[in-house]
Amino acid sequence: MPESSDMLIQVNGKEQKVLQGTTLLQIVQAMGVDPARVVVERNLEIVDPEKLSETRVADSDRIEVIHFVGGG
């Protein structure tokens, strides 16, 4: 059972424990990806890239981080 300050969320289909107050930007940065090169979806809704630093996750949130891939 998580501590009271921990929450369980899903990131790209994998369960992850995060601290209460964690932002979407922190999650993206922890993944080691450039926030300017991804789209973040929270509970099936795309989050405005300018709001990643102020959008805090909640217990049981489902987060998808979609990378842009270039090619030719």
N, C-alpha and C. Protein backbone atom coordinates (compact mmCIF):
# COMPACT_ATOMS: atom_id res chain seq x y z
N MET A 1 0.85 -1.19 0.00
CA MET A 1 0.00 0.00 0.00
C MET A 1 0.89 1.24 0.00
N PRO A 2 0.63 2.22 -0.88
CA PRO A 2 1.47 3.41 -0.92
C PRO A 2 1.32 4.26 0.33
N GLU A 3 2.38 5.01 0.62
CA GLU A 3 2.30 5.96 1.74
C GLU A 3 1.30 7.05 1.38
N SER A 4 0.89 7.82 2.36
CA SER A 4 -0.13 8.83 2.12
C SER A 4 0.32 9.90 1.13
N SER A 5 1.64 10.14 1.00
CA SER A 5 2.12 11.15 0.07
C SER A 5 2.41 10.55 -1.31
N ASP A 6 2.25 9.23 -1.47
CA ASP A 6 2.47 8.57 -2.75
C ASP A 6 1.14 8.33 -3.45
N MET A 7 1.20 8.33 -4.78
CA MET A 7 0.02 8.02 -5.59
C MET A 7 0.44 7.02 -6.65
N LEU A 8 -0.50 6.21 -7.08
CA LEU A 8 -0.24 5.29 -8.18
C LEU A 8 -0.90 5.84 -9.43
N ILE A 9 -0.11 5.95 -10.49
CA ILE A 9 -0.61 6.38 -11.78
C ILE A 9 -0.13 5.38 -12.83
N GLN A 10 -0.61 5.51 -14.04
CA GLN A 10 -0.10 4.72 -15.14
C GLN A 10 0.53 5.65 -16.15
N VAL A 11 1.76 5.33 -16.54
CA VAL A 11 2.46 6.11 -17.56
C VAL A 11 2.78 5.16 -18.71
N ASN A 12 2.21 5.44 -19.86
CA ASN A 12 2.38 4.59 -21.03
C ASN A 12 2.09 3.13 -20.71
N GLY A 13 1.02 2.91 -19.94
CA GLY A 13 0.55 1.56 -19.64
C GLY A 13 1.25 0.87 -18.49
N LYS A 14 2.24 1.52 -17.86
CA LYS A 14 2.96 0.91 -16.74
C LYS A 14 2.65 1.64 -15.45
N GLU A 15 2.35 0.87 -14.41
CA GLU A 15 2.05 1.48 -13.12
C GLU A 15 3.31 2.13 -12.56
N GLN A 16 3.13 3.30 -11.98
CA GLN A 16 4.26 4.06 -11.44
C GLN A 16 3.81 4.77 -10.17
N LYS A 17 4.68 4.79 -9.19
CA LYS A 17 4.41 5.50 -7.95
C LYS A 17 5.05 6.88 -8.03
N VAL A 18 4.28 7.91 -7.73
CA VAL A 18 4.80 9.28 -7.74
C VAL A 18 4.37 9.98 -6.46
N LEU A 19 5.08 11.03 -6.13
CA LEU A 19 4.72 11.83 -4.97
C LEU A 19 3.56 12.74 -5.30
N GLN A 20 2.74 13.00 -4.31
CA GLN A 20 1.65 13.95 -4.45
C GLN A 20 2.25 15.28 -4.87
N GLY A 21 1.62 15.96 -5.81
CA GLY A 21 2.13 17.25 -6.28
C GLY A 21 3.00 17.15 -7.51
N THR A 22 3.28 15.94 -7.99
CA THR A 22 4.10 15.76 -9.18
C THR A 22 3.38 16.35 -10.39
N THR A 23 4.15 17.06 -11.23
CA THR A 23 3.57 17.66 -12.43
C THR A 23 3.85 16.78 -13.65
N LEU A 24 3.09 17.04 -14.69
CA LEU A 24 3.32 16.31 -15.94
C LEU A 24 4.70 16.62 -16.50
N LEU A 25 5.17 17.84 -16.35
CA LEU A 25 6.51 18.19 -16.82
C LEU A 25 7.56 17.35 -16.10
N GLN A 26 7.42 17.16 -14.80
CA GLN A 26 8.38 16.34 -14.06
C GLN A 26 8.39 14.90 -14.57
N ILE A 27 7.23 14.38 -14.91
CA ILE A 27 7.15 13.01 -15.42
C ILE A 27 7.87 12.91 -16.76
N VAL A 28 7.61 13.87 -17.65
CA VAL A 28 8.25 13.87 -18.96
C VAL A 28 9.77 13.99 -18.81
N GLN A 29 10.22 14.90 -17.95
CA GLN A 29 11.66 15.08 -17.74
C GLN A 29 12.30 13.82 -17.15
N ALA A 30 11.60 13.14 -16.24
CA ALA A 30 12.13 11.91 -15.65
C ALA A 30 12.28 10.81 -16.70
N MET A 31 11.49 10.89 -17.76
CA MET A 31 11.60 9.92 -18.86
C MET A 31 12.79 10.24 -19.75
N GLY A 32 13.39 11.41 -19.57
CA GLY A 32 14.55 11.79 -20.36
C GLY A 32 14.22 12.25 -21.77
N VAL A 33 13.01 12.76 -21.95
CA VAL A 33 12.62 13.24 -23.28
C VAL A 33 12.40 14.74 -23.25
N ASP A 34 12.55 15.36 -24.41
CA ASP A 34 12.36 16.79 -24.56
C ASP A 34 10.87 17.10 -24.57
N PRO A 35 10.38 17.89 -23.62
CA PRO A 35 8.95 18.20 -23.58
C PRO A 35 8.43 18.85 -24.86
N ALA A 36 9.31 19.48 -25.62
CA ALA A 36 8.90 20.12 -26.87
C ALA A 36 8.67 19.10 -27.99
N ARG A 37 9.09 17.85 -27.77
CA ARG A 37 8.99 16.83 -28.82
C ARG A 37 7.98 15.74 -28.49
N VAL A 38 7.09 16.02 -27.53
CA VAL A 38 6.09 15.02 -27.15
C VAL A 38 4.71 15.66 -27.04
N VAL A 39 3.71 14.80 -27.10
CA VAL A 39 2.35 15.18 -26.77
C VAL A 39 2.00 14.40 -25.52
N VAL A 40 1.40 15.06 -24.54
CA VAL A 40 1.03 14.40 -23.29
C VAL A 40 -0.48 14.33 -23.20
N GLU A 41 -0.95 13.13 -22.94
CA GLU A 41 -2.39 12.90 -22.78
C GLU A 41 -2.63 12.46 -21.35
N ARG A 42 -3.60 13.08 -20.71
CA ARG A 42 -3.97 12.73 -19.33
C ARG A 42 -5.44 12.33 -19.34
N ASN A 43 -5.68 11.08 -18.98
CA ASN A 43 -7.05 10.56 -18.94
C ASN A 43 -7.80 10.84 -20.25
N LEU A 44 -7.14 10.52 -21.35
CA LEU A 44 -7.70 10.60 -22.71
C LEU A 44 -7.86 12.02 -23.23
N GLU A 45 -7.29 13.02 -22.55
CA GLU A 45 -7.35 14.40 -23.02
C GLU A 45 -5.94 14.95 -23.21
N ILE A 46 -5.69 15.56 -24.37
CA ILE A 46 -4.39 16.15 -24.63
C ILE A 46 -4.22 17.39 -23.76
N VAL A 47 -3.04 17.50 -23.15
CA VAL A 47 -2.74 18.63 -22.27
C VAL A 47 -1.96 19.67 -23.07
N ASP A 48 -2.36 20.92 -22.95
CA ASP A 48 -1.66 22.03 -23.60
C ASP A 48 -0.20 22.01 -23.14
N PRO A 49 0.76 22.00 -24.08
CA PRO A 49 2.17 21.94 -23.70
C PRO A 49 2.60 23.04 -22.72
N GLU A 50 1.96 24.19 -22.81
CA GLU A 50 2.31 25.30 -21.91
C GLU A 50 1.82 25.06 -20.49
N LYS A 51 0.97 24.06 -20.29
CA LYS A 51 0.42 23.79 -18.96
C LYS A 51 1.05 22.56 -18.29
N LEU A 52 2.05 21.95 -18.92
CA LEU A 52 2.68 20.76 -18.33
C LEU A 52 3.29 21.04 -16.96
N SER A 53 3.87 22.23 -16.80
CA SER A 53 4.55 22.54 -15.54
C SER A 53 3.58 22.84 -14.40
N GLU A 54 2.33 23.15 -14.74
CA GLU A 54 1.35 23.47 -13.70
C GLU A 54 0.28 22.39 -13.52
N THR A 55 0.29 21.38 -14.38
CA THR A 55 -0.71 20.32 -14.29
C THR A 55 -0.20 19.21 -13.39
N ARG A 56 -0.81 19.07 -12.23
CA ARG A 56 -0.41 18.04 -11.28
C ARG A 56 -1.24 16.78 -11.51
N VAL A 57 -0.56 15.63 -11.37
CA VAL A 57 -1.27 14.37 -11.56
C VAL A 57 -2.04 14.02 -10.30
N ALA A 58 -3.07 13.21 -10.48
CA ALA A 58 -3.89 12.74 -9.37
C ALA A 58 -3.81 11.22 -9.32
N ASP A 59 -4.13 10.66 -8.17
CA ASP A 59 -4.12 9.22 -8.00
C ASP A 59 -4.97 8.56 -9.08
N SER A 60 -4.45 7.51 -9.66
CA SER A 60 -5.12 6.71 -10.69
C SER A 60 -5.16 7.37 -12.07
N ASP A 61 -4.49 8.50 -12.26
CA ASP A 61 -4.42 9.11 -13.59
C ASP A 61 -3.76 8.15 -14.56
N ARG A 62 -4.17 8.25 -15.82
CA ARG A 62 -3.55 7.50 -16.91
C ARG A 62 -2.88 8.51 -17.84
N ILE A 63 -1.57 8.44 -17.90
CA ILE A 63 -0.79 9.38 -18.68
C ILE A 63 -0.17 8.65 -19.87
N GLU A 64 -0.28 9.25 -21.04
CA GLU A 64 0.39 8.73 -22.23
C GLU A 64 1.31 9.84 -22.74
N VAL A 65 2.57 9.48 -22.96
CA VAL A 65 3.55 10.42 -23.51
C VAL A 65 3.89 9.89 -24.90
N ILE A 66 3.54 10.68 -25.92
CA ILE A 66 3.70 10.25 -27.30
C ILE A 66 4.84 11.06 -27.91
N HIS A 67 5.86 10.33 -28.37
CA HIS A 67 7.05 10.96 -28.97
C HIS A 67 6.82 11.23 -30.44
N PHE A 68 7.33 12.36 -30.90
CA PHE A 68 7.36 12.64 -32.33
C PHE A 68 8.56 11.91 -32.91
N VAL A 69 8.35 11.22 -34.01
CA VAL A 69 9.44 10.49 -34.65
C VAL A 69 9.59 11.02 -36.06
N GLY A 70 10.83 11.44 -36.39
CA GLY A 70 11.09 11.93 -37.74
C GLY A 70 11.57 10.80 -38.62
N GLY A 71 11.43 10.98 -39.86
CA GLY A 71 11.90 9.97 -40.80
C GLY A 71 11.73 10.46 -42.22
N GLY A 72 12.20 9.64 -43.12
CA GLY A 72 12.06 10.10 -44.49
C GLY A 72 12.13 8.99 -45.48
